[in-house]
Protein backbone atom coordinates (compact mmCIF):
# COMPACT_ATOMS: atom_id res chain seq x y z
CA UNK A 1 93.45 85.81 76.42
CA UNK A 2 90.35 86.20 74.29
CA UNK A 3 87.61 88.61 75.36
CA UNK A 4 85.14 85.93 74.27
CA UNK A 5 86.33 83.43 76.88
CA UNK A 6 83.32 82.61 79.11
CA UNK A 7 83.50 83.84 82.70
CA UNK A 8 83.24 80.34 84.23
CA UNK A 9 86.28 79.25 82.24
CA UNK A 10 88.16 82.38 83.32
CA UNK A 11 87.31 81.62 86.93
CA UNK A 12 88.50 78.06 86.51
CA UNK A 13 91.76 79.48 85.17
CA UNK A 14 92.14 81.70 88.25
CA UNK A 15 91.35 78.80 90.57
CA UNK A 16 93.90 76.59 88.81
CA UNK A 17 96.58 79.27 88.68
CA UNK A 18 96.19 80.11 92.37
CA UNK A 19 96.19 76.41 93.24
CA UNK A 20 99.53 76.02 91.41
CA UNK A 21 100.94 79.10 93.14
CA UNK A 22 99.90 78.02 96.64
CA UNK A 23 100.69 74.34 96.24
CA UNK A 24 104.30 74.94 95.27
CA UNK A 25 104.84 78.18 97.20
CA UNK A 26 103.21 77.18 100.47
CA UNK A 27 104.50 73.66 99.85
CA UNK A 28 108.04 75.02 99.89
CA UNK A 29 107.30 76.60 103.28
CA UNK A 30 106.04 73.21 104.52
CA UNK A 31 109.22 71.55 103.32
CA UNK A 32 111.48 74.26 104.78
CA UNK A 33 109.86 74.50 108.22
CA UNK A 34 108.92 70.88 108.79
CA UNK A 35 111.84 69.03 107.16
CA UNK A 36 114.62 71.56 106.60
CA UNK A 37 114.54 70.67 102.90
CA UNK A 38 115.11 74.26 101.77
CA UNK A 39 118.43 75.59 103.03
CA UNK A 40 117.96 79.31 103.46
CA UNK A 41 115.31 81.86 102.61
CA UNK A 42 116.50 82.38 99.04
CA UNK A 43 115.73 78.78 98.09
CA UNK A 44 112.16 79.23 99.32
CA UNK A 45 111.95 82.54 97.46
CA UNK A 46 113.11 80.91 94.22
CA UNK A 47 110.46 78.19 94.51
CA UNK A 48 107.83 80.88 94.98
CA UNK A 49 109.12 82.74 91.93
CA UNK A 50 109.07 79.64 89.74
CA UNK A 51 105.57 78.81 91.00
CA UNK A 52 104.34 82.26 89.98
CA UNK A 53 105.93 81.95 86.53
CA UNK A 54 104.49 78.49 85.91
CA UNK A 55 101.03 79.55 87.07
CA UNK A 56 101.11 82.44 84.58
CA UNK A 57 102.39 80.25 81.75
CA UNK A 58 99.71 77.65 82.48
CA UNK A 59 96.64 79.87 82.86
CA UNK A 60 97.49 83.31 81.45
CA UNK A 61 95.86 82.58 78.09
CA UNK A 62 92.57 81.69 79.81
CA UNK A 63 92.13 84.25 82.58
CA UNK A 64 95.09 86.62 82.41
CA UNK A 65 96.56 84.86 85.47
CA UNK A 66 95.91 87.52 88.07
CA UNK A 67 96.19 84.84 90.82
CA UNK A 68 96.10 87.63 93.41
CA UNK A 69 93.06 89.66 94.53
CA UNK A 70 95.22 92.75 95.02
CA UNK A 71 96.34 92.59 91.39
CA UNK A 72 92.78 91.99 90.20
CA UNK A 73 91.66 95.18 91.96
CA UNK A 74 94.62 97.10 90.51
CA UNK A 75 93.87 95.84 86.99
CA UNK A 76 90.25 96.93 87.41
CA UNK A 77 91.30 100.37 88.65
CA UNK A 78 93.94 101.13 86.00
CA UNK A 79 93.92 98.59 83.17
CA UNK A 80 90.25 98.39 82.20
CA UNK A 81 89.49 95.02 83.77
CA UNK A 82 85.70 94.96 84.27
CA UNK A 83 84.71 95.56 87.90
CA UNK A 84 81.85 93.06 87.55
CA UNK A 85 84.44 90.31 87.13
CA UNK A 86 86.35 91.21 90.29
CA UNK A 87 84.15 89.30 92.80
CA UNK A 88 84.12 85.98 90.85
CA UNK A 89 87.87 86.27 90.18
CA UNK A 90 88.64 86.89 93.85
CA UNK A 91 86.35 84.08 95.00
CA UNK A 92 88.04 81.70 92.56
CA UNK A 93 91.47 82.72 93.82
CA UNK A 94 90.50 82.11 97.44
CA UNK A 95 88.99 78.75 96.56
CA UNK A 96 92.14 77.69 94.73
CA UNK A 97 94.24 78.65 97.75
CA UNK A 98 92.02 76.69 100.16
CA UNK A 99 92.11 73.60 97.95
CA UNK A 100 95.90 73.74 97.68
CA UNK A 101 96.21 74.05 101.48
CA UNK A 102 93.93 71.04 101.91
CA UNK A 103 96.01 68.92 99.53
CA UNK A 104 99.22 69.94 101.32
CA UNK A 105 97.66 68.95 104.65
CA UNK A 106 96.89 65.50 103.30
CA UNK A 107 100.52 65.12 102.23
CA UNK A 108 102.21 66.62 105.30
CA UNK A 109 99.80 65.92 108.18
CA UNK A 110 101.89 63.13 109.75
CA UNK A 111 105.12 65.11 109.39
CA UNK A 112 103.35 68.13 110.89
CA UNK A 113 102.18 66.09 113.89
CA UNK A 114 105.71 64.85 114.54
CA UNK A 115 107.14 68.37 114.17
CA UNK A 116 104.70 69.69 116.77
CA UNK A 117 105.44 66.78 119.11
CA UNK A 118 109.20 67.26 118.81
CA UNK A 119 108.93 70.98 119.58
CA UNK A 120 106.34 70.68 122.35
CA UNK A 121 103.74 72.57 120.33
CA UNK A 122 100.09 72.24 121.30
CA UNK A 123 98.08 73.13 118.25
CA UNK A 124 95.82 76.12 118.84
CA UNK A 125 97.70 77.35 121.91
CA UNK A 126 100.14 80.25 122.18
CA UNK A 127 103.34 79.39 120.38
CA UNK A 128 101.67 77.14 117.83
CA UNK A 129 102.14 79.81 115.18
CA UNK A 130 105.51 78.09 114.69
CA UNK A 131 103.60 75.28 112.97
CA UNK A 132 100.66 77.37 111.74
CA UNK A 133 103.12 79.48 109.73
CA UNK A 134 103.23 76.77 107.08
CA UNK A 135 99.69 77.90 106.16
CA UNK A 136 98.98 81.50 107.12
CA UNK A 137 101.50 84.23 107.87
CA UNK A 138 102.68 86.01 110.98
CA UNK A 139 104.80 88.97 111.98
CA UNK A 140 107.58 88.71 112.83
CA UNK A 141 108.36 85.51 110.94
CA UNK A 142 107.99 82.89 113.72
CA UNK A 143 110.90 80.69 112.63
CA UNK A 144 113.33 83.58 112.29
CA UNK A 145 112.06 85.24 115.47
CA UNK A 146 112.65 82.03 117.41
CA UNK A 147 116.16 81.46 116.06
CA UNK A 148 117.22 85.09 116.64
CA UNK A 149 115.31 85.51 119.92
CA UNK A 150 113.20 88.36 118.61
CA UNK A 151 110.29 89.75 120.59
CA UNK A 152 106.96 90.94 119.16
CA UNK A 153 108.37 94.47 119.30
CA UNK A 154 110.88 93.52 116.59
CA UNK A 155 108.14 94.03 113.97
CA UNK A 156 105.29 96.29 114.99
CA UNK A 157 101.82 96.23 113.49
CA UNK A 158 102.56 99.41 111.52
CA UNK A 159 105.88 98.06 110.25
CA UNK A 160 104.16 94.86 109.14
CA UNK A 161 101.53 96.86 107.24
CA UNK A 162 104.24 98.93 105.59
CA UNK A 163 106.23 95.84 104.62
CA UNK A 164 103.24 94.16 102.96
CA UNK A 165 102.03 97.39 101.36
CA UNK A 166 105.41 98.44 99.97
CA UNK A 167 106.18 94.91 98.78
CA UNK A 168 102.89 94.63 96.90
CA UNK A 169 103.35 98.13 95.48
CA UNK A 170 106.66 97.03 93.97
CA UNK A 171 104.98 93.89 92.62
CA UNK A 172 102.18 95.84 90.93
CA UNK A 173 104.62 98.44 89.60
CA UNK A 174 106.77 95.81 87.90
CA UNK A 175 103.79 93.80 86.65
CA UNK A 176 102.40 96.93 85.04
CA UNK A 177 105.80 97.71 83.54
CA UNK A 178 106.43 94.32 81.94
CA UNK A 179 102.88 94.06 80.59
CA UNK A 180 102.63 97.60 79.22
CA UNK A 181 102.42 97.37 75.41
CA UNK A 182 103.75 100.94 75.16
CA UNK A 183 106.92 99.97 77.02
CA UNK A 184 109.43 99.15 74.28
CA UNK A 185 111.89 97.89 76.92
CA UNK A 186 109.56 95.22 78.30
CA UNK A 187 110.47 91.54 77.88
CA UNK A 188 108.64 89.58 75.20
CA UNK A 189 105.37 87.82 75.88
CA UNK A 190 107.12 84.51 76.50
CA UNK A 191 109.49 86.03 79.05
CA UNK A 192 107.38 88.39 81.14
CA UNK A 193 106.05 85.58 83.42
CA UNK A 194 109.65 84.77 84.28
CA UNK A 195 110.37 88.38 85.26
CA UNK A 196 107.22 88.57 87.38
CA UNK A 197 108.36 85.40 89.14
CA UNK A 198 111.80 86.92 89.75
CA UNK A 199 110.12 90.02 91.17
CA UNK A 200 108.29 87.86 93.70
CA UNK A 201 111.55 86.10 94.60
CA UNK A 202 113.48 89.27 95.34
CA UNK A 203 110.58 90.70 97.33
CA UNK A 204 110.38 87.57 99.46
CA UNK A 205 114.11 87.68 100.10
CA UNK A 206 113.73 91.13 101.68
CA UNK A 207 110.29 91.05 103.33
CA UNK A 208 109.83 87.44 104.44
CA UNK A 209 111.96 87.80 107.61
CA UNK A 210 109.50 90.46 108.77
CA UNK A 211 106.05 89.25 107.69
CA UNK A 212 106.65 86.06 105.68
CA UNK A 213 105.92 88.20 102.58
CA UNK A 214 102.29 87.47 101.79
CA UNK A 215 101.78 90.11 99.06
CA UNK A 216 98.59 88.27 98.12
CA UNK A 217 95.35 88.18 100.15
CA UNK A 218 94.33 84.84 98.65
CA UNK A 219 97.69 83.23 99.44
CA UNK A 220 97.29 84.21 103.10
CA UNK A 221 93.60 83.97 103.85
CA UNK A 222 92.90 80.72 101.98
CA UNK A 223 95.49 78.62 103.85
CA UNK A 224 94.81 80.57 107.08
CA UNK A 225 91.11 79.70 106.88
CA UNK A 226 92.00 76.06 106.34
CA UNK A 227 94.34 76.18 109.35
CA UNK A 228 91.53 77.61 111.50
CA UNK A 229 89.41 74.51 110.86
CA UNK A 230 92.42 72.16 111.04
CA UNK A 231 92.91 72.81 114.75
CA UNK A 232 94.77 76.11 115.09
CA UNK A 233 91.58 78.05 115.80
CA UNK A 234 92.32 81.55 117.18
CA UNK A 235 96.04 81.20 116.42
CA UNK A 236 95.00 81.18 112.74
CA UNK A 237 92.14 83.67 112.98
CA UNK A 238 92.53 86.34 114.29
CA UNK A 239 96.07 85.25 115.20
CA UNK A 240 98.08 85.81 118.39
CA UNK A 241 98.53 89.52 117.61
CA UNK A 242 95.49 90.04 115.42
CA UNK A 243 95.80 92.38 112.49
CA UNK A 244 95.74 89.76 109.77
CA UNK A 245 93.03 91.71 107.92
CA UNK A 246 94.95 94.98 107.98
CA UNK A 247 98.39 93.44 107.35
CA UNK A 248 97.68 90.63 104.89
CA UNK A 249 94.49 91.73 103.13
CA UNK A 250 94.09 95.51 103.20
CA UNK A 251 97.77 96.45 102.97
CA UNK A 252 98.44 94.38 99.82
CA UNK A 253 95.34 95.84 98.14
CA UNK A 254 96.36 99.41 99.01
CA UNK A 255 99.92 98.60 97.96
CA UNK A 256 98.86 97.20 94.57
CA UNK A 257 96.70 100.27 93.92
CA UNK A 258 99.59 102.55 94.89
CA UNK A 259 102.11 100.72 92.71
CA UNK A 260 99.74 100.65 89.76
CA UNK A 261 98.93 104.33 90.16
CA UNK A 262 102.61 105.23 90.38
CA UNK A 263 103.39 103.42 87.13
CA UNK A 264 100.35 104.72 85.26
CA UNK A 265 100.85 108.34 86.29
CA UNK A 266 104.62 108.75 86.32
CA UNK A 267 106.17 106.09 84.11
CA UNK A 268 103.58 105.11 81.50
CA UNK A 269 103.15 108.66 80.08
CA UNK A 270 106.93 108.95 79.73
CA UNK A 271 107.04 105.60 77.95
CA UNK A 272 104.28 106.75 75.61
CA UNK A 273 106.03 110.05 74.87
CA UNK A 274 109.29 108.25 74.20
CA UNK A 275 107.61 105.85 71.81
CA UNK A 276 105.83 108.72 70.05
CA UNK A 277 109.13 110.57 69.74
CA UNK A 278 110.83 107.54 68.24
CA UNK A 279 107.94 107.13 65.80
CA UNK A 280 108.12 110.79 64.79
CA UNK A 281 111.86 110.60 64.16
CA UNK A 282 111.38 107.48 62.06
CA UNK A 283 108.68 109.20 59.99
CA UNK A 284 110.89 112.23 59.40
CA UNK A 285 113.80 110.01 58.34
CA UNK A 286 111.60 108.09 55.92
CA UNK A 287 110.22 111.34 54.53
CA UNK A 288 113.70 112.72 53.92
CA UNK A 289 114.70 109.51 52.22
CA UNK A 290 111.72 109.67 49.90
CA UNK A 291 112.45 113.32 49.10
CA UNK A 292 116.05 112.56 48.30
């Protein structure tokens, strides 16, 4: 990514990258919930991971492929990303997510209507989160809660906040690790998008049964906002239990800041010292060789 890339082009890159992420990721949720196309949570998680990797490969050279407001804030806090670019980046990410949700609705609207009819779901009424979950996210995961007969007490508001915060902290920690130029163990530039995608996959496999694993304020709020205007109304915003701001927006941002801080303060200095030590040993060896 060149520092001379104009901001509008960067924003277009973020919009495009987030569109790719949401179209394939949220699209896999559509396919799983409405058609049973994905057999098991891991298949959905893998689609999400591949979507993240492809979005980074496609747009990383233009914008850095943050594709997540929480990561944009963390990059600004710890990696020197200019704070003045945060608002346009975040707005572009939200817009990309909304556009992807709208395209998915065009493709799946008839299937969605039949799903709701078959399950006796009245859109916008209590219980319609079982269909709204293909856009926004809920805790506990409505599909799993229904199949296992969970109650709302199965995942409390605090537990949901912790799940999203801890999950996003892990995401930021690993993103910082694989993109740290001082980390000699990091994968090469062509491979790090793949490892970030795998990170998302393993996080989804653990957290999605609890909160659907948002880990990204744009991924949740963009489709959720679309769902609000598509007929789900208060089931989308504020949701049957509320808390979508604290669980799916604030918690990922706090989590990303925590994960980034943890890496920068505890791991990155050790990586730097290790690299410096290796460089010093190499210099001494070369010096001895020249003396001999």
